[in-house]
Amino acid sequence: MTTRDDLYRLVDQLRPETLDEAAAALRQYAPAASGEPPYPASIGVLIDAPADLATRVDDYLAEGFGR
């Protein structure tokens, strides 16, 4: 039976140019990353947005919001 330690040893022996292929092969056996919806990375840019952004969007855009 293969243990995690066996796999760690194999990964340590991989040549750098084969890492992408090895990762792709292992990825099929791993569960989905976090269970979160696949939102684009840009979604988080408004985390620190003002609370009234939705109601005053035109005002904020006119002032150069995000610059």
Protein backbone atom coordinates (compact mmCIF):
# COMPACT_ATOMS: atom_id res chain seq x y z
CA MET A 1 0.00 0.00 0.00
CA THR A 2 1.28 3.43 -0.94
CA THR A 3 1.51 5.98 1.85
CA ARG A 4 1.59 9.77 1.72
CA ASP A 5 5.26 9.58 2.63
CA ASP A 6 5.88 7.44 -0.45
CA LEU A 7 4.19 10.07 -2.60
CA TYR A 8 6.11 12.91 -0.96
CA ARG A 9 9.37 11.09 -1.73
CA LEU A 10 8.33 10.67 -5.37
CA VAL A 11 7.41 14.34 -5.68
CA ASP A 12 10.78 15.34 -4.23
CA GLN A 13 12.46 13.32 -7.00
CA LEU A 14 10.57 14.93 -9.88
CA ARG A 15 12.48 17.01 -12.40
CA PRO A 16 11.23 20.62 -12.51
CA GLU A 17 10.14 20.29 -16.13
CA THR A 18 7.72 17.46 -15.23
CA LEU A 19 5.92 19.23 -12.37
CA ASP A 20 2.98 20.43 -14.49
CA GLU A 21 2.29 16.94 -15.83
CA ALA A 22 2.58 15.35 -12.39
CA ALA A 23 0.24 17.92 -10.86
CA ALA A 24 -2.32 17.35 -13.62
CA ALA A 25 -2.19 13.60 -13.03
CA LEU A 26 -2.73 13.97 -9.28
CA ARG A 27 -5.39 16.67 -9.56
CA GLN A 28 -7.92 14.15 -10.86
CA TYR A 29 -7.82 12.37 -7.49
CA ALA A 30 -8.12 15.46 -5.31
CA PRO A 31 -11.46 16.89 -4.20
CA ALA A 32 -12.53 20.30 -5.47
CA ALA A 33 -10.48 23.09 -3.94
CA SER A 34 -12.84 24.85 -1.57
CA GLY A 35 -16.40 24.28 -2.64
CA GLU A 36 -16.82 27.98 -3.37
CA PRO A 37 -18.39 29.07 -6.66
CA PRO A 38 -15.84 29.72 -9.40
CA TYR A 39 -15.99 33.51 -9.25
CA PRO A 40 -13.39 35.48 -11.21
CA ALA A 41 -10.50 36.84 -9.14
CA SER A 42 -11.71 40.38 -9.79
CA ILE A 43 -14.81 39.86 -7.60
CA GLY A 44 -12.83 40.59 -4.43
CA VAL A 45 -11.84 44.09 -5.53
CA LEU A 46 -14.94 45.62 -3.90
CA ILE A 47 -14.48 44.11 -0.44
CA ASP A 48 -13.54 47.50 1.02
CA ALA A 49 -16.14 49.43 -0.99
CA PRO A 50 -18.30 52.04 0.73
CA ALA A 51 -21.59 50.73 2.16
CA ASP A 52 -23.63 53.09 -0.04
CA LEU A 53 -21.90 52.12 -3.27
CA ALA A 54 -25.02 50.69 -4.90
CA THR A 55 -27.11 53.79 -4.25
CA ARG A 56 -24.40 56.31 -5.14
CA VAL A 57 -22.63 54.50 -7.97
CA ASP A 58 -22.89 57.43 -10.37
CA ASP A 59 -21.40 59.82 -7.81
CA TYR A 60 -18.48 57.50 -7.07
CA LEU A 61 -17.76 56.91 -10.75
CA ALA A 62 -17.81 60.64 -11.42
CA GLU A 63 -15.27 61.12 -8.62
CA GLY A 64 -12.98 58.47 -10.12
CA PHE A 65 -13.81 55.53 -7.86
CA GLY A 66 -10.98 52.97 -7.77
CA ARG A 67 -8.22 55.31 -8.91
